[in-house]
């Protein structure tokens, strides 16, 4: 009799309710662990995306800084046309931009010991195409008909690209002054995620007329003396 009872106790297993409770507990724990891991993974992806976005913005600002800080007063030709009286061109849809575009000549293109058949100035432009700011670069400031620029996409997610110009008294949205550079140029970039980002660059404010008058008066003084 005792042996029979012992055999029954040894063969006794889990009830269906106990099995279902165990499965429910393990399922809950597994789901909670999955949510934690998924949240960590999503946070890591967002962090990487934000980091890459910031790097992209910093890289774009480096290009802008290098170009706008070295604007030089030099007339330029486009498509073989006569040189414009404007030392800096900025207008809506310039360079096929979807917003404002800008075009100017800059210094700083190094030519060590004049080893290459070119100078140290180059023509640069900026435009907005399909929500992406693009930098346009020409090897020479005077370009013949059909010469295409080197186009470098800088940053996407941009809604508008605008420029303003300081003449010494006020900010102007359009620079129509001939043979003269503004005293400062403001670049306004409207991002979908960051909103407005503004950069202000000082320029020489060069005036061709003033320099010509000064040279004329100097030559007259020398002639009288």
Protein backbone atom coordinates (compact mmCIF):
# COMPACT_ATOMS: atom_id res chain seq x y z
CA UNK A 1 0.00 0.00 0.00
CA UNK A 2 2.78 2.40 0.85
CA UNK A 3 4.66 1.48 -2.32
CA UNK A 4 1.58 2.24 -4.43
CA UNK A 5 1.12 5.69 -2.87
CA UNK A 6 4.79 6.55 -3.41
CA UNK A 7 4.52 5.61 -7.09
CA UNK A 8 1.49 7.88 -7.52
CA UNK A 9 3.28 10.82 -5.88
CA UNK A 10 6.32 10.38 -8.15
CA UNK A 11 4.25 10.42 -11.36
CA UNK A 12 2.29 13.50 -10.35
CA UNK A 13 3.01 16.53 -12.80
CA UNK A 14 1.91 20.15 -13.38
CA UNK A 15 -1.69 20.92 -13.88
CA UNK A 16 -2.92 22.71 -17.00
CA UNK A 17 -3.55 25.89 -15.01
CA UNK A 18 0.01 25.87 -13.65
CA UNK A 19 1.42 25.42 -17.16
CA UNK A 20 -0.70 28.29 -18.51
CA UNK A 21 0.33 30.56 -15.64
CA UNK A 22 4.00 29.77 -16.28
CA UNK A 23 3.61 30.48 -20.00
CA UNK A 24 1.87 33.77 -19.24
CA UNK A 25 4.65 34.81 -16.85
CA UNK A 26 7.40 33.97 -19.34
CA UNK A 27 5.51 35.72 -22.15
CA UNK A 28 5.16 38.87 -20.03
CA UNK A 29 8.85 38.85 -19.14
CA UNK A 30 9.86 38.26 -22.75
CA UNK A 31 7.63 41.10 -23.99
CA UNK A 32 9.03 43.48 -21.37
CA UNK A 33 12.60 42.54 -22.27
CA UNK A 34 11.84 43.04 -25.97
CA UNK A 35 10.41 46.51 -25.29
CA UNK A 36 13.52 47.50 -23.34
CA UNK A 37 15.88 46.21 -26.04
CA UNK A 38 13.82 47.82 -28.81
CA UNK A 39 13.76 51.16 -27.00
CA UNK A 40 17.53 51.06 -26.52
CA UNK A 41 18.03 50.21 -30.18
CA UNK A 42 15.73 53.02 -31.33
CA UNK A 43 17.46 55.49 -29.03
CA UNK A 44 20.82 54.45 -30.42
CA UNK A 45 19.60 54.88 -34.01
CA UNK A 46 18.17 58.32 -33.23
CA UNK A 47 21.41 59.32 -31.55
CA UNK A 48 23.44 58.21 -34.58
CA UNK A 49 21.09 60.07 -36.93
CA UNK A 50 21.34 63.27 -34.87
CA UNK A 51 25.11 62.95 -34.70
CA UNK A 52 25.37 62.47 -38.46
CA UNK A 53 23.04 65.42 -39.02
CA UNK A 54 25.18 67.68 -36.84
CA UNK A 55 28.32 66.57 -38.69
CA UNK A 56 26.60 67.36 -41.99
CA UNK A 57 25.65 70.83 -40.71
CA UNK A 58 29.16 71.52 -39.43
CA UNK A 59 30.66 70.44 -42.74
CA UNK A 60 28.31 72.76 -44.62
CA UNK A 61 29.20 75.70 -42.38
CA UNK A 62 32.90 75.08 -43.00
CA UNK A 63 32.30 75.47 -46.75
CA UNK A 64 30.24 78.63 -46.19
CA UNK A 65 32.82 80.14 -43.84
CA UNK A 66 35.73 79.48 -46.19
CA UNK A 67 33.91 80.99 -49.18
CA UNK A 68 32.12 84.01 -47.73
CA UNK A 69 35.06 85.15 -45.61
CA UNK A 70 37.23 85.45 -48.72
CA UNK A 71 34.91 87.31 -51.09
CA UNK A 72 36.99 89.55 -53.34
CA UNK A 73 36.00 92.53 -55.49
CA UNK A 74 36.58 91.06 -58.93
CA UNK A 75 34.19 91.26 -61.91
CA UNK A 76 33.42 87.92 -63.53
CA UNK A 77 32.01 86.55 -66.76
CA UNK A 78 29.47 83.76 -67.13
CA UNK A 79 28.84 81.79 -70.32
CA UNK A 80 31.22 84.04 -72.23
CA UNK A 81 29.07 87.13 -71.69
CA UNK A 82 30.36 90.59 -70.89
CA UNK A 83 31.55 91.03 -67.33
CA UNK A 84 28.78 92.21 -65.04
CA UNK A 85 28.98 95.48 -63.14
CA UNK A 86 27.95 93.56 -60.04
CA UNK A 87 30.78 92.22 -57.92
CA UNK A 88 28.28 89.95 -56.17
CA UNK A 89 25.08 88.57 -57.70
CA UNK A 90 22.17 87.31 -55.60
CA UNK A 91 18.62 86.87 -56.77
CA UNK A 92 15.62 84.57 -56.76
CA UNK A 93 16.13 81.48 -58.94
CA UNK A 94 19.72 82.45 -59.75
CA UNK A 95 21.72 79.37 -60.84
CA UNK A 96 18.39 77.51 -61.22
CA UNK A 97 17.86 77.72 -57.48
CA UNK A 98 14.45 76.95 -55.99
CA UNK A 99 15.02 79.82 -53.55
CA UNK A 100 17.67 82.53 -53.72
CA UNK A 101 21.03 81.87 -55.35
CA UNK A 102 24.31 83.72 -54.99
CA UNK A 103 27.45 84.06 -57.13
CA UNK A 104 30.79 85.72 -56.35
CA UNK A 105 34.57 85.43 -56.65
CA UNK A 106 36.75 84.41 -53.72
CA UNK A 107 40.43 84.35 -52.82
CA UNK A 108 42.33 81.58 -51.15
CA UNK A 109 42.64 78.91 -53.82
CA UNK A 110 46.28 78.05 -53.21
CA UNK A 111 48.68 77.84 -56.13
CA UNK A 112 52.07 77.11 -54.53
CA UNK A 113 54.87 78.92 -56.36
CA UNK A 114 52.44 79.47 -59.25
CA UNK A 115 52.97 75.87 -60.28
CA UNK A 116 49.62 75.64 -62.09
CA UNK A 117 48.43 77.76 -65.04
CA UNK A 118 45.88 79.68 -63.01
CA UNK A 119 45.57 82.34 -60.35
CA UNK A 120 44.49 82.08 -56.73
CA UNK A 121 40.90 83.20 -57.22
CA UNK A 122 37.87 81.15 -58.20
CA UNK A 123 34.16 81.65 -58.80
CA UNK A 124 31.71 80.14 -56.32
CA UNK A 125 27.94 79.94 -56.13
CA UNK A 126 25.25 78.52 -53.84
CA UNK A 127 21.73 77.37 -54.65
CA UNK A 128 18.86 75.27 -53.30
CA UNK A 129 17.73 72.26 -55.36
CA UNK A 130 15.22 69.67 -54.11
CA UNK A 131 15.62 70.86 -50.51
CA UNK A 132 19.40 70.45 -50.72
CA UNK A 133 21.97 73.25 -50.60
CA UNK A 134 24.49 72.84 -53.39
CA UNK A 135 27.87 74.52 -53.79
CA UNK A 136 28.91 75.35 -57.34
CA UNK A 137 32.55 75.90 -58.19
CA UNK A 138 34.31 77.00 -61.38
CA UNK A 139 38.03 76.70 -61.96
CA UNK A 140 38.23 80.24 -63.37
CA UNK A 141 36.20 83.40 -62.61
CA UNK A 142 35.56 83.98 -66.33
CA UNK A 143 33.82 80.96 -67.81
CA UNK A 144 33.09 80.34 -71.51
CA UNK A 145 29.83 79.12 -72.98
CA UNK A 146 28.89 75.60 -71.93
CA UNK A 147 31.40 75.18 -69.11
CA UNK A 148 29.60 73.39 -66.32
CA UNK A 149 30.48 73.91 -62.65
CA UNK A 150 31.54 71.27 -60.16
CA UNK A 151 28.44 70.70 -58.00
CA UNK A 152 28.80 69.55 -54.38
CA UNK A 153 25.64 68.74 -52.36
CA UNK A 154 26.16 70.03 -48.81
CA UNK A 155 23.07 69.40 -46.69
CA UNK A 156 19.45 68.33 -47.23
CA UNK A 157 16.24 69.01 -45.32
CA UNK A 158 16.37 72.72 -46.21
CA UNK A 159 13.18 74.69 -46.87
CA UNK A 160 14.67 78.06 -47.88
CA UNK A 161 17.98 79.75 -48.61
CA UNK A 162 18.06 83.55 -48.27
CA UNK A 163 20.68 86.28 -48.25
CA UNK A 164 20.76 89.83 -46.86
CA UNK A 165 23.36 92.54 -47.33
CA UNK A 166 24.52 95.36 -45.06
CA UNK A 167 25.43 98.63 -46.82
CA UNK A 168 26.72 100.36 -43.70
CA UNK A 169 23.33 101.69 -42.58
CA UNK A 170 20.72 98.98 -43.06
CA UNK A 171 20.19 95.42 -44.18
CA UNK A 172 18.98 94.94 -47.76
CA UNK A 173 17.26 91.87 -49.14
CA UNK A 174 18.58 92.55 -52.65
CA UNK A 175 22.06 93.77 -53.59
CA UNK A 176 21.81 95.81 -56.79
CA UNK A 177 24.73 98.14 -56.15
CA UNK A 178 27.19 98.08 -59.04
CA UNK A 179 30.97 97.88 -58.64
CA UNK A 180 30.65 97.59 -54.90
CA UNK A 181 30.63 94.88 -52.25
CA UNK A 182 28.43 95.00 -49.14
CA UNK A 183 30.05 95.55 -45.79
CA UNK A 184 28.52 92.30 -44.54
CA UNK A 185 26.55 89.39 -45.93
CA UNK A 186 23.99 87.39 -43.97
CA UNK A 187 23.16 83.79 -44.93
CA UNK A 188 19.79 82.54 -43.65
CA UNK A 189 19.10 78.80 -43.94
CA UNK A 190 15.67 77.50 -42.95
CA UNK A 191 15.81 73.84 -41.94
CA UNK A 192 12.87 71.52 -41.45
CA UNK A 193 14.31 70.30 -38.14
CA UNK A 194 16.47 73.18 -36.84
CA UNK A 195 14.47 76.18 -38.03
CA UNK A 196 16.48 79.26 -39.05
CA UNK A 197 20.27 79.19 -38.90
CA UNK A 198 21.98 82.52 -39.62
CA UNK A 199 25.60 83.35 -40.35
CA UNK A 200 26.99 86.87 -40.85
CA UNK A 201 30.22 87.43 -42.77
CA UNK A 202 32.12 90.72 -42.98
CA UNK A 203 33.27 91.81 -46.42
CA UNK A 204 35.46 94.64 -47.60
CA UNK A 205 32.71 97.01 -48.76
CA UNK A 206 34.92 97.82 -51.75
CA UNK A 207 33.77 100.69 -53.98
CA UNK A 208 35.36 100.91 -57.42
CA UNK A 209 34.33 104.54 -57.97
CA UNK A 210 36.01 105.78 -54.82
CA UNK A 211 39.26 104.04 -55.67
CA UNK A 212 39.18 105.46 -59.20
CA UNK A 213 38.59 109.01 -57.90
CA UNK A 214 41.43 108.64 -55.43
CA UNK A 215 43.80 107.50 -58.17
CA UNK A 216 42.76 110.42 -60.40
CA UNK A 217 43.31 112.96 -57.63
CA UNK A 218 46.70 111.41 -56.79
CA UNK A 219 47.87 111.59 -60.39
CA UNK A 220 46.70 115.25 -60.63
CA UNK A 221 48.63 116.14 -57.48
CA UNK A 222 51.76 114.55 -58.89
CA UNK A 223 51.32 116.46 -62.15
CA UNK A 224 50.94 119.80 -60.37
CA UNK A 225 53.96 119.16 -58.20
